Amino acid sequence: MHFGSNQSDEVSRGSCGNDSFPGLDSVDEKAMKMNAFKRWRTGSAVLGLFSLLLLVCGCSKSPAELQKKYMSLGEHYLAEGKLNEAVIEFQNLLKVNPKSAQGHYELGKAYQRKGWLIESVIQYREAVKLAPLMLDAHLSLAQYAINSGQWNPAKSEISAILKIDPSNARGWTYAGQRMSATGREAEAQKDLEHALSLKPGYPRALVAMGDLKRKQNHLKQAKDYYDKALSSAPSNSRAWAGLGLILQAKGKNDEALADFKKALAVDPDNLRSHIILANFMASQGHLHKAV
């Protein structure tokens, strides 16, 4: 009875165990290992992703840091004359902060040096819209208005400059240039003298005074002003062009041509110098060289 019971128990274990489903224990073990591997792999992937996110977050910069980075790079490239690279960096800065007045101003400077005058003016205007007291942007806009003969915009910018800084010699120089161009020569003289009293020996004001004296046909005085400007600023293209115009007025065309070429040599991108040289060549009958 005891034996039979043992036999029955043995059969029962066999029929319910390995005989009917051979290898069941090994299948369960493999399944468990596979599930464990899957869990490990999933966990590792999540951990890896989390680590990557931590790394990215740790290396990312704040908007302020990015602006500082792009500004620094842009200024570096601008100083080295790498204008395209400078433009890209200032544009990157403005993508981070479209309301950066300084960013618009620096981009305007880069455009101006590339000769993209309209684009530069757009950026300068955006700068003063965002920062109405940005003196440098107003000065750049005044310079553009003076050079392009836009006397009403020039007046507005000069007023803004002198409201911000009543002792700004450059602003008073622009005021004198505008007065001279609009036929108010006595007021021009007064404004330019005031500029020189604020900043003695200021080349920009000296050249403007030379232009005024040349316009009044006081050629010796004009030459003295140009020479004085060049003594401290030998790369002043406007002074060289002024000397050339004096020589042309005296009929000394070969010497005049040399000074016109000197004006371009010191500042090859100066549009005014190109125009003066072209007009001179045309006046000499060299139309093919004037174009």
C-alpha atoms as a PDB file:
ATOM      1  CA  MET A   1       0.000   0.000   0.000  1.00  0.00           C
ATOM      2  CA  HIS A   2       2.791   2.242   0.937  1.00  0.00           C
ATOM      3  CA  PHE A   3       4.668   1.112  -2.199  1.00  0.00           C
ATOM      4  CA  GLY A   4       1.615   1.671  -4.344  1.00  0.00           C
ATOM      5  CA  SER A   5       1.227   5.113  -2.991  1.00  0.00           C
ATOM      6  CA  ASN A   6       4.835   5.883  -3.820  1.00  0.00           C
ATOM      7  CA  GLN A   7       4.357   4.576  -7.352  1.00  0.00           C
ATOM      8  CA  SER A   8       1.235   6.615  -7.857  1.00  0.00           C
ATOM      9  CA  ASP A   9       2.993   9.717  -6.600  1.00  0.00           C
ATOM     10  CA  GLU A  10       5.862   9.064  -8.998  1.00  0.00           C
ATOM     11  CA  VAL A  11       3.529   8.582 -11.954  1.00  0.00           C
ATOM     12  CA  SER A  12       1.636  11.684 -10.993  1.00  0.00           C
ATOM     13  CA  ARG A  13       4.793  13.724 -10.883  1.00  0.00           C
ATOM     14  CA  GLY A  14       5.817  12.298 -14.250  1.00  0.00           C
ATOM     15  CA  SER A  15       2.538  12.871 -15.991  1.00  0.00           C
ATOM     16  CA  CYS A  16       2.182  16.347 -14.652  1.00  0.00           C
ATOM     17  CA  GLY A  17       5.859  17.214 -15.063  1.00  0.00           C
ATOM     18  CA  ASN A  18       8.407  16.318 -17.607  1.00  0.00           C
ATOM     19  CA  ASP A  19       6.856  13.434 -19.482  1.00  0.00           C
ATOM     20  CA  SER A  20       3.926  15.236 -21.063  1.00  0.00           C
ATOM     21  CA  PHE A  21       5.867  18.608 -21.697  1.00  0.00           C
ATOM     22  CA  PRO A  22       9.520  17.748 -22.054  1.00  0.00           C
ATOM     23  CA  GLY A  23      11.959  20.673 -21.310  1.00  0.00           C
ATOM     24  CA  LEU A  24       9.407  22.867 -19.578  1.00  0.00           C
ATOM     25  CA  ASP A  25      11.830  23.880 -16.833  1.00  0.00           C
ATOM     26  CA  SER A  26      14.467  24.938 -19.373  1.00  0.00           C
ATOM     27  CA  VAL A  27      11.903  26.951 -21.408  1.00  0.00           C
ATOM     28  CA  ASP A  28      10.800  28.847 -18.318  1.00  0.00           C
ATOM     29  CA  GLU A  29      14.397  29.650 -17.478  1.00  0.00           C
ATOM     30  CA  LYS A  30      15.109  30.915 -20.987  1.00  0.00           C
ATOM     31  CA  ALA A  31      11.952  33.019 -20.936  1.00  0.00           C
ATOM     32  CA  MET A  32      12.920  34.501 -17.601  1.00  0.00           C
ATOM     33  CA  LYS A  33      16.398  35.287 -18.863  1.00  0.00           C
ATOM     34  CA  MET A  34      14.996  36.814 -22.046  1.00  0.00           C
ATOM     35  CA  ASN A  35      12.562  38.960 -20.093  1.00  0.00           C
ATOM     36  CA  ALA A  36      15.341  40.017 -17.764  1.00  0.00           C
ATOM     37  CA  PHE A  37      17.521  40.945 -20.749  1.00  0.00           C
ATOM     38  CA  LYS A  38      14.693  42.945 -22.293  1.00  0.00           C
ATOM     39  CA  ARG A  39      14.134  44.772 -19.034  1.00  0.00           C
ATOM     40  CA  TRP A  40      17.866  45.455 -18.755  1.00  0.00           C
ATOM     41  CA  ARG A  41      18.075  46.646 -22.334  1.00  0.00           C
ATOM     42  CA  THR A  42      15.050  48.921 -21.929  1.00  0.00           C
ATOM     43  CA  GLY A  43      16.394  50.252 -18.669  1.00  0.00           C
ATOM     44  CA  SER A  44      19.803  50.864 -20.202  1.00  0.00           C
ATOM     45  CA  ALA A  45      18.256  52.697 -23.127  1.00  0.00           C
ATOM     46  CA  VAL A  46      16.219  54.899 -20.814  1.00  0.00           C
ATOM     47  CA  LEU A  47      19.249  55.514 -18.625  1.00  0.00           C
ATOM     48  CA  GLY A  48      21.343  56.316 -21.682  1.00  0.00           C
ATOM     49  CA  LEU A  49      18.741  58.729 -22.991  1.00  0.00           C
ATOM     50  CA  PHE A  50      18.476  60.346 -19.588  1.00  0.00           C
ATOM     51  CA  SER A  51      22.249  60.699 -19.426  1.00  0.00           C
ATOM     52  CA  LEU A  52      22.285  62.220 -22.895  1.00  0.00           C
ATOM     53  CA  LEU A  53      19.598  64.692 -21.921  1.00  0.00           C
ATOM     54  CA  LEU A  54      21.582  65.629 -18.844  1.00  0.00           C
ATOM     55  CA  LEU A  55      24.658  66.125 -20.993  1.00  0.00           C
ATOM     56  CA  VAL A  56      22.798  68.268 -23.507  1.00  0.00           C
ATOM     57  CA  CYS A  57      21.157  70.306 -20.802  1.00  0.00           C
ATOM     58  CA  GLY A  58      24.473  70.715 -19.061  1.00  0.00           C
ATOM     59  CA  CYS A  59      26.144  71.983 -22.242  1.00  0.00           C
ATOM     60  CA  SER A  60      23.322  74.212 -23.459  1.00  0.00           C
ATOM     61  CA  LYS A  61      23.642  77.967 -23.000  1.00  0.00           C
ATOM     62  CA  SER A  62      21.081  80.450 -21.820  1.00  0.00           C
ATOM     63  CA  PRO A  63      19.802  83.057 -24.299  1.00  0.00           C
ATOM     64  CA  ALA A  64      21.955  85.681 -22.585  1.00  0.00           C
ATOM     65  CA  GLU A  65      25.046  83.494 -22.945  1.00  0.00           C
ATOM     66  CA  LEU A  66      24.275  82.824 -26.602  1.00  0.00           C
ATOM     67  CA  GLN A  67      23.858  86.533 -27.294  1.00  0.00           C
ATOM     68  CA  LYS A  68      27.192  87.238 -25.635  1.00  0.00           C
ATOM     69  CA  LYS A  69      28.843  84.489 -27.676  1.00  0.00           C
ATOM     70  CA  TYR A  70      27.447  85.676 -31.009  1.00  0.00           C
ATOM     71  CA  MET A  71      28.235  89.322 -30.240  1.00  0.00           C
ATOM     72  CA  SER A  72      31.824  88.459 -29.352  1.00  0.00           C
ATOM     73  CA  LEU A  73      32.304  86.382 -32.498  1.00  0.00           C
ATOM     74  CA  GLY A  74      30.676  89.019 -34.689  1.00  0.00           C
ATOM     75  CA  GLU A  75      32.842  91.801 -33.307  1.00  0.00           C
ATOM     76  CA  HIS A  76      35.933  89.622 -33.738  1.00  0.00           C
ATOM     77  CA  TYR A  77      35.134  88.907 -37.378  1.00  0.00           C
ATOM     78  CA  LEU A  78      34.268  92.561 -38.006  1.00  0.00           C
ATOM     79  CA  ALA A  79      37.631  93.656 -36.606  1.00  0.00           C
ATOM     80  CA  GLU A  80      39.388  91.159 -38.882  1.00  0.00           C
ATOM     81  CA  GLY A  81      37.450  92.296 -41.931  1.00  0.00           C
ATOM     82  CA  LYS A  82      35.645  88.955 -42.270  1.00  0.00           C
ATOM     83  CA  LEU A  83      32.378  90.644 -43.097  1.00  0.00           C
ATOM     84  CA  ASN A  84      30.335  87.639 -44.226  1.00  0.00           C
ATOM     85  CA  GLU A  85      31.205  85.763 -41.043  1.00  0.00           C
ATOM     86  CA  ALA A  86      30.358  88.837 -38.968  1.00  0.00           C
ATOM     87  CA  VAL A  87      26.967  89.137 -40.662  1.00  0.00           C
ATOM     88  CA  ILE A  88      26.183  85.490 -39.872  1.00  0.00           C
ATOM     89  CA  GLU A  89      27.045  85.886 -36.181  1.00  0.00           C
ATOM     90  CA  PHE A  90      24.992  89.060 -35.759  1.00  0.00           C
ATOM     91  CA  GLN A  91      22.085  87.394 -37.553  1.00  0.00           C
ATOM     92  CA  ASN A  92      22.413  84.450 -35.153  1.00  0.00           C
ATOM     93  CA  LEU A  93      22.256  86.892 -32.254  1.00  0.00           C
ATOM     94  CA  LEU A  94      19.071  88.436 -33.608  1.00  0.00           C
ATOM     95  CA  LYS A  95      17.486  85.005 -33.965  1.00  0.00           C
ATOM     96  CA  VAL A  96      17.991  84.569 -30.226  1.00  0.00           C
ATOM     97  CA  ASN A  97      16.825  88.099 -29.424  1.00  0.00           C
ATOM     98  CA  PRO A  98      15.169  90.032 -32.282  1.00  0.00           C
ATOM     99  CA  LYS A  99      14.851  93.054 -29.978  1.00  0.00           C
ATOM    100  CA  SER A 100      18.578  93.489 -29.396  1.00  0.00           C
ATOM    101  CA  ALA A 101      19.234  97.098 -30.397  1.00  0.00           C
ATOM    102  CA  GLN A 102      22.982  96.533 -30.229  1.00  0.00           C
ATOM    103  CA  GLY A 103      22.624  93.468 -32.435  1.00  0.00           C
ATOM    104  CA  HIS A 104      20.789  95.471 -35.102  1.00  0.00           C
ATOM    105  CA  TYR A 105      23.395  98.223 -34.887  1.00  0.00           C
ATOM    106  CA  GLU A 106      26.332  95.831 -35.274  1.00  0.00           C
ATOM    107  CA  LEU A 107      24.637  94.072 -38.185  1.00  0.00           C
ATOM    108  CA  GLY A 108      24.130  97.503 -39.760  1.00  0.00           C
ATOM    109  CA  LYS A 109      27.847  98.218 -39.411  1.00  0.00           C
ATOM    110  CA  ALA A 110      28.715  94.933 -41.103  1.00  0.00           C
ATOM    111  CA  TYR A 111      26.292  95.661 -43.937  1.00  0.00           C
ATOM    112  CA  GLN A 112      27.700  99.169 -44.339  1.00  0.00           C
ATOM    113  CA  ARG A 113      31.244  97.855 -44.647  1.00  0.00           C
ATOM    114  CA  LYS A 114      30.036  95.394 -47.283  1.00  0.00           C
ATOM    115  CA  GLY A 115      28.593  98.335 -49.204  1.00  0.00           C
ATOM    116  CA  TRP A 116      25.000  97.277 -48.557  1.00  0.00           C
ATOM    117  CA  LEU A 117      23.869 100.773 -47.621  1.00  0.00           C
ATOM    118  CA  ILE A 118      20.101 100.284 -47.760  1.00  0.00           C
ATOM    119  CA  GLU A 119      20.335  97.152 -45.608  1.00  0.00           C
ATOM    120  CA  SER A 120      22.556  98.979 -43.126  1.00  0.00           C
ATOM    121  CA  VAL A 121      20.110 101.877 -42.834  1.00  0.00           C
ATOM    122  CA  ILE A 122      17.269  99.439 -42.147  1.00  0.00           C
ATOM    123  CA  GLN A 123      19.255  97.956 -39.266  1.00  0.00           C
ATOM    124  CA  TYR A 124      20.229 101.361 -37.858  1.00  0.00           C
ATOM    125  CA  ARG A 125      16.599 102.461 -37.934  1.00  0.00           C
ATOM    126  CA  GLU A 126      15.557  99.294 -36.150  1.00  0.00           C
ATOM    127  CA  ALA A 127      18.229  99.975 -33.538  1.00  0.00           C
ATOM    128  CA  VAL A 128      16.982 103.498 -32.757  1.00  0.00           C
ATOM    129  CA  LYS A 129      13.402 102.249 -32.744  1.00  0.00           C
ATOM    130  CA  LEU A 130      14.349  99.800 -29.991  1.00  0.00           C
ATOM    131  CA  ALA A 131      16.770 102.172 -28.259  1.00  0.00           C
ATOM    132  CA  PRO A 132      15.915 105.814 -29.075  1.00  0.00           C
ATOM    133  CA  LEU A 133      18.962 107.083 -27.171  1.00  0.00           C
ATOM    134  CA  MET A 134      21.499 104.959 -29.074  1.00  0.00           C
ATOM    135  CA  LEU A 135      23.860 107.722 -30.153  1.00  0.00           C
ATOM    136  CA  ASP A 136      26.029 105.665 -32.513  1.00  0.00           C
ATOM    137  CA  ALA A 137      23.035 104.537 -34.559  1.00  0.00           C
ATOM    138  CA  HIS A 138      21.786 108.131 -34.895  1.00  0.00           C
ATOM    139  CA  LEU A 139      25.271 109.206 -35.994  1.00  0.00           C
ATOM    140  CA  SER A 140      25.350 106.497 -38.653  1.00  0.00           C
ATOM    141  CA  LEU A 141      21.915 107.515 -39.923  1.00  0.00           C
ATOM    142  CA  ALA A 142      22.967 111.174 -40.016  1.00  0.00           C
ATOM    143  CA  GLN A 143      26.088 110.288 -41.984  1.00  0.00           C
ATOM    144  CA  TYR A 144      24.049 108.353 -44.533  1.00  0.00           C
ATOM    145  CA  ALA A 145      21.550 111.209 -44.870  1.00  0.00           C
ATOM    146  CA  ILE A 146      24.325 113.799 -45.341  1.00  0.00           C
ATOM    147  CA  ASN A 147      26.199 111.696 -47.898  1.00  0.00           C
ATOM    148  CA  SER A 148      23.040 110.987 -49.879  1.00  0.00           C
ATOM    149  CA  GLY A 149      21.755 114.574 -49.765  1.00  0.00           C
ATOM    150  CA  GLN A 150      18.658 113.793 -47.703  1.00  0.00           C
ATOM    151  CA  TRP A 151      18.571 117.040 -45.790  1.00  0.00           C
ATOM    152  CA  ASN A 152      15.296 116.636 -43.890  1.00  0.00           C
ATOM    153  CA  PRO A 153      16.195 113.193 -42.484  1.00  0.00           C
ATOM    154  CA  ALA A 154      19.644 114.626 -41.730  1.00  0.00           C
ATOM    155  CA  LYS A 155      18.040 117.429 -39.732  1.00  0.00           C
ATOM    156  CA  SER A 156      16.001 114.934 -37.687  1.00  0.00           C
ATOM    157  CA  GLU A 157      19.028 112.797 -36.901  1.00  0.00           C
ATOM    158  CA  ILE A 158      21.217 115.794 -36.037  1.00  0.00           C
ATOM    159  CA  SER A 159      18.513 117.047 -33.653  1.00  0.00           C
ATOM    160  CA  ALA A 160      18.383 113.622 -31.993  1.00  0.00           C
ATOM    161  CA  ILE A 161      22.180 113.514 -31.673  1.00  0.00           C
ATOM    162  CA  LEU A 162      22.488 116.942 -30.085  1.00  0.00           C
ATOM    163  CA  LYS A 163      19.570 116.260 -27.774  1.00  0.00           C
ATOM    164  CA  ILE A 164      21.325 113.135 -26.506  1.00  0.00           C
ATOM    165  CA  ASP A 165      24.765 114.781 -26.407  1.00  0.00           C
ATOM    166  CA  PRO A 166      24.843 118.578 -26.859  1.00  0.00           C
ATOM    167  CA  SER A 167      28.654 118.520 -26.926  1.00  0.00           C
ATOM    168  CA  ASN A 168      28.994 115.950 -29.686  1.00  0.00           C
ATOM    169  CA  ALA A 169      31.552 117.320 -32.163  1.00  0.00           C
ATOM    170  CA  ARG A 170      30.513 114.901 -34.873  1.00  0.00           C
ATOM    171  CA  GLY A 171      26.902 116.015 -34.526  1.00  0.00           C
ATOM    172  CA  TRP A 172      27.891 119.671 -34.863  1.00  0.00           C
ATOM    173  CA  THR A 173      30.028 118.785 -37.886  1.00  0.00           C
ATOM    174  CA  TYR A 174      27.019 117.196 -39.558  1.00  0.00           C
ATOM    175  CA  ALA A 175      25.001 120.278 -38.670  1.00  0.00           C
ATOM    176  CA  GLY A 176      27.605 122.455 -40.389  1.00  0.00           C
ATOM    177  CA  GLN A 177      27.701 120.225 -43.460  1.00  0.00           C
ATOM    178  CA  ARG A 178      23.933 120.371 -43.760  1.00  0.00           C
ATOM    179  CA  MET A 179      23.921 124.166 -43.425  1.00  0.00           C
ATOM    180  CA  SER A 180      26.604 124.480 -46.094  1.00  0.00           C
ATOM    181  CA  ALA A 181      24.769 122.178 -48.492  1.00  0.00           C
ATOM    182  CA  THR A 182      21.530 124.125 -48.091  1.00  0.00           C
ATOM    183  CA  GLY A 183      23.195 127.494 -48.738  1.00  0.00           C
ATOM    184  CA  ARG A 184      23.430 128.748 -45.164  1.00  0.00           C
ATOM    185  CA  GLU A 185      27.172 129.220 -45.142  1.00  0.00           C
ATOM    186  CA  ALA A 186      27.433 131.627 -42.208  1.00  0.00           C
ATOM    187  CA  GLU A 187      25.579 129.175 -39.977  1.00  0.00           C
ATOM    188  CA  ALA A 188      27.717 126.359 -41.362  1.00  0.00           C
ATOM    189  CA  GLN A 189      30.872 128.243 -40.376  1.00  0.00           C
ATOM    190  CA  LYS A 190      29.498 128.783 -36.890  1.00  0.00           C
ATOM    191  CA  ASP A 191      28.569 125.120 -36.406  1.00  0.00           C
ATOM    192  CA  LEU A 192      31.930 123.864 -37.665  1.00  0.00           C
ATOM    193  CA  GLU A 193      33.836 126.302 -35.478  1.00  0.00           C
ATOM    194  CA  HIS A 194      31.801 125.064 -32.534  1.00  0.00           C
ATOM    195  CA  ALA A 195      32.683 121.463 -33.413  1.00  0.00           C
ATOM    196  CA  LEU A 196      36.383 122.367 -33.453  1.00  0.00           C
ATOM    197  CA  SER A 197      36.070 124.197 -30.137  1.00  0.00           C
ATOM    198  CA  LEU A 198      34.612 121.030 -28.624  1.00  0.00           C
ATOM    199  CA  LYS A 199      37.245 118.804 -30.235  1.00  0.00           C
ATOM    200  CA  PRO A 200      40.307 120.736 -31.451  1.00  0.00           C
ATOM    201  CA  GLY A 201      41.998 119.169 -34.456  1.00  0.00           C
ATOM    202  CA  TYR A 202      38.993 116.949 -35.194  1.00  0.00           C
ATOM    203  CA  PRO A 203      39.718 115.677 -38.755  1.00  0.00           C
ATOM    204  CA  ARG A 204      36.070 115.350 -39.765  1.00  0.00           C
ATOM    205  CA  ALA A 205      35.360 118.974 -38.837  1.00  0.00           C
ATOM    206  CA  LEU A 206      38.596 120.187 -40.452  1.00  0.00           C
ATOM    207  CA  VAL A 207      37.675 118.497 -43.731  1.00  0.00           C
ATOM    208  CA  ALA A 208      34.145 119.920 -43.574  1.00  0.00           C
ATOM    209  CA  MET A 209      35.637 123.363 -43.024  1.00  0.00           C
ATOM    210  CA  GLY A 210      37.947 122.770 -45.993  1.00  0.00           C
ATOM    211  CA  ASP A 211      34.928 121.838 -48.113  1.00  0.00           C
ATOM    212  CA  LEU A 212      33.161 125.028 -47.028  1.00  0.00           C
ATOM    213  CA  LYS A 213      36.171 127.220 -47.858  1.00  0.00           C
ATOM    214  CA  ARG A 214      36.628 125.505 -51.226  1.00  0.00           C
ATOM    215  CA  LYS A 215      32.958 126.137 -51.979  1.00  0.00           C
ATOM    216  CA  GLN A 216      33.549 129.817 -51.161  1.00  0.00           C
ATOM    217  CA  ASN A 217      36.593 129.718 -53.478  1.00  0.00           C
ATOM    218  CA  HIS A 218      38.986 130.373 -50.595  1.00  0.00           C
ATOM    219  CA  LEU A 219      41.327 127.730 -51.944  1.00  0.00           C
ATOM    220  CA  LYS A 220      44.368 128.497 -49.798  1.00  0.00           C
ATOM    221  CA  GLN A 221      42.321 128.288 -46.593  1.00  0.00           C
ATOM    222  CA  ALA A 222      40.684 125.121 -47.865  1.00  0.00           C
ATOM    223  CA  LYS A 223      44.073 123.528 -48.555  1.00  0.00           C
ATOM    224  CA  ASP A 224      45.279 124.463 -45.068  1.00  0.00           C
ATOM    225  CA  TYR A 225      42.288 122.719 -43.490  1.00  0.00           C
ATOM    226  CA  TYR A 226      42.764 119.593 -45.606  1.00  0.00           C
ATOM    227  CA  ASP A 227      46.488 119.457 -44.847  1.00  0.00           C
ATOM    228  CA  LYS A 228      45.824 119.850 -41.139  1.00  0.00           C
ATOM    229  CA  ALA A 229      43.302 117.016 -41.248  1.00  0.00           C
ATOM    230  CA  LEU A 230      45.766 114.744 -43.060  1.00  0.00           C
ATOM    231  CA  SER A 231      48.508 115.486 -40.540  1.00  0.00           C
ATOM    232  CA  SER A 232      46.526 113.541 -37.932  1.00  0.00           C
ATOM    233  CA  ALA A 233      44.453 111.324 -40.234  1.00  0.00           C
ATOM    234  CA  PRO A 234      46.511 110.438 -43.339  1.00  0.00           C
ATOM    235  CA  SER A 235      43.869 107.951 -44.478  1.00  0.00           C
ATOM    236  CA  ASN A 236      41.093 110.531 -44.704  1.00  0.00           C
ATOM    237  CA  SER A 237      39.851 110.004 -48.256  1.00  0.00           C
ATOM    238  CA  ARG A 238      37.669 113.115 -48.238  1.00  0.00           C
ATOM    239  CA  ALA A 239      40.692 115.319 -47.496  1.00  0.00           C
ATOM    240  CA  TRP A 240      42.667 113.776 -50.372  1.00  0.00           C
ATOM    241  CA  ALA A 241      39.701 114.254 -52.693  1.00  0.00           C
ATOM    242  CA  GLY A 242      39.398 117.876 -51.526  1.00  0.00           C
ATOM    243  CA  LEU A 243      43.040 118.543 -52.353  1.00  0.00           C
ATOM    244  CA  GLY A 244      42.483 116.983 -55.756  1.00  0.00           C
ATOM    245  CA  LEU A 245      39.507 119.242 -56.415  1.00  0.00           C
ATOM    246  CA  ILE A 246      41.596 122.305 -55.523  1.00  0.00           C
ATOM    247  CA  LEU A 247      44.306 121.210 -57.959  1.00  0.00           C
ATOM    248  CA  GLN A 248      41.688 120.546 -60.632  1.00  0.00           C
ATOM    249  CA  ALA A 249      40.294 124.056 -60.113  1.00  0.00           C
ATOM    250  CA  LYS A 250      43.803 125.400 -60.693  1.00  0.00           C
ATOM    251  CA  GLY A 251      44.182 123.377 -63.876  1.00  0.00           C
ATOM    252  CA  LYS A 252      46.797 121.047 -62.400  1.00  0.00           C
ATOM    253  CA  ASN A 253      45.115 117.938 -63.719  1.00  0.00           C
ATOM    254  CA  ASP A 254      47.972 115.450 -63.381  1.00  0.00           C
ATOM    255  CA  GLU A 255      48.453 116.342 -59.724  1.00  0.00           C
ATOM    256  CA  ALA A 256      44.698 116.326 -59.195  1.00  0.00           C
ATOM    257  CA  LEU A 257      44.464 112.821 -60.647  1.00  0.00           C
ATOM    258  CA  ALA A 258      47.200 111.640 -58.283  1.00  0.00           C
ATOM    259  CA  ASP A 259      45.239 112.930 -55.279  1.00  0.00           C
ATOM    260  CA  PHE A 260      41.977 111.402 -56.516  1.00  0.00           C
ATOM    261  CA  LYS A 261      43.743 108.061 -56.849  1.00  0.00           C
ATOM    262  CA  LYS A 262      45.216 108.526 -53.382  1.00  0.00           C
ATOM    263  CA  ALA A 263      41.712 109.075 -52.010  1.00  0.00           C
ATOM    264  CA  LEU A 264      40.677 105.709 -53.436  1.00  0.00           C
ATOM    265  CA  ALA A 265      43.870 103.997 -52.326  1.00  0.00           C
ATOM    266  CA  VAL A 266      43.259 104.842 -48.669  1.00  0.00           C
ATOM    267  CA  ASP A 267      39.559 103.926 -48.851  1.00  0.00           C
ATOM    268  CA  PRO A 268      38.748 101.735 -51.885  1.00  0.00           C
ATOM    269  CA  ASP A 269      35.070 101.397 -50.941  1.00  0.00           C
ATOM    270  CA  ASN A 270      34.389 105.132 -50.666  1.00  0.00           C
ATOM    271  CA  LEU A 271      31.561 105.840 -53.107  1.00  0.00           C
ATOM    272  CA  ARG A 272      32.126 109.599 -53.089  1.00  0.00           C
ATOM    273  CA  SER A 273      35.760 109.180 -54.145  1.00  0.00           C
ATOM    274  CA  HIS A 274      34.706 106.912 -56.997  1.00  0.00           C
ATOM    275  CA  ILE A 275      32.185 109.504 -58.193  1.00  0.00           C
ATOM    276  CA  ILE A 276      34.723 112.347 -58.014  1.00  0.00           C
ATOM    277  CA  LEU A 277      37.279 110.345 -59.995  1.00  0.00           C
ATOM    278  CA  ALA A 278      34.655 109.343 -62.571  1.00  0.00           C
ATOM    279  CA  ASN A 279      33.577 112.970 -63.006  1.00  0.00           C
ATOM    280  CA  PHE A 280      37.188 114.028 -63.398  1.00  0.00           C
ATOM    281  CA  MET A 281      37.890 111.376 -66.036  1.00  0.00           C
ATOM    282  CA  ALA A 282      34.745 112.396 -67.910  1.00  0.00           C
ATOM    283  CA  SER A 283      35.798 116.056 -67.793  1.00  0.00           C
ATOM    284  CA  GLN A 284      39.094 115.044 -69.379  1.00  0.00           C
ATOM    285  CA  GLY A 285      37.333 113.238 -72.193  1.00  0.00           C
ATOM    286  CA  HIS A 286      38.153 109.778 -70.888  1.00  0.00           C
ATOM    287  CA  LEU A 287      34.573 108.520 -70.834  1.00  0.00           C
ATOM    288  CA  HIS A 288      35.619 104.871 -71.112  1.00  0.00           C
ATOM    289  CA  LYS A 289      37.614 105.277 -67.893  1.00  0.00           C
ATOM    290  CA  ALA A 290      34.823 107.145 -66.137  1.00  0.00           C
ATOM    291  CA  VAL A 291      32.432 104.199 -66.325  1.00  0.00           C
END
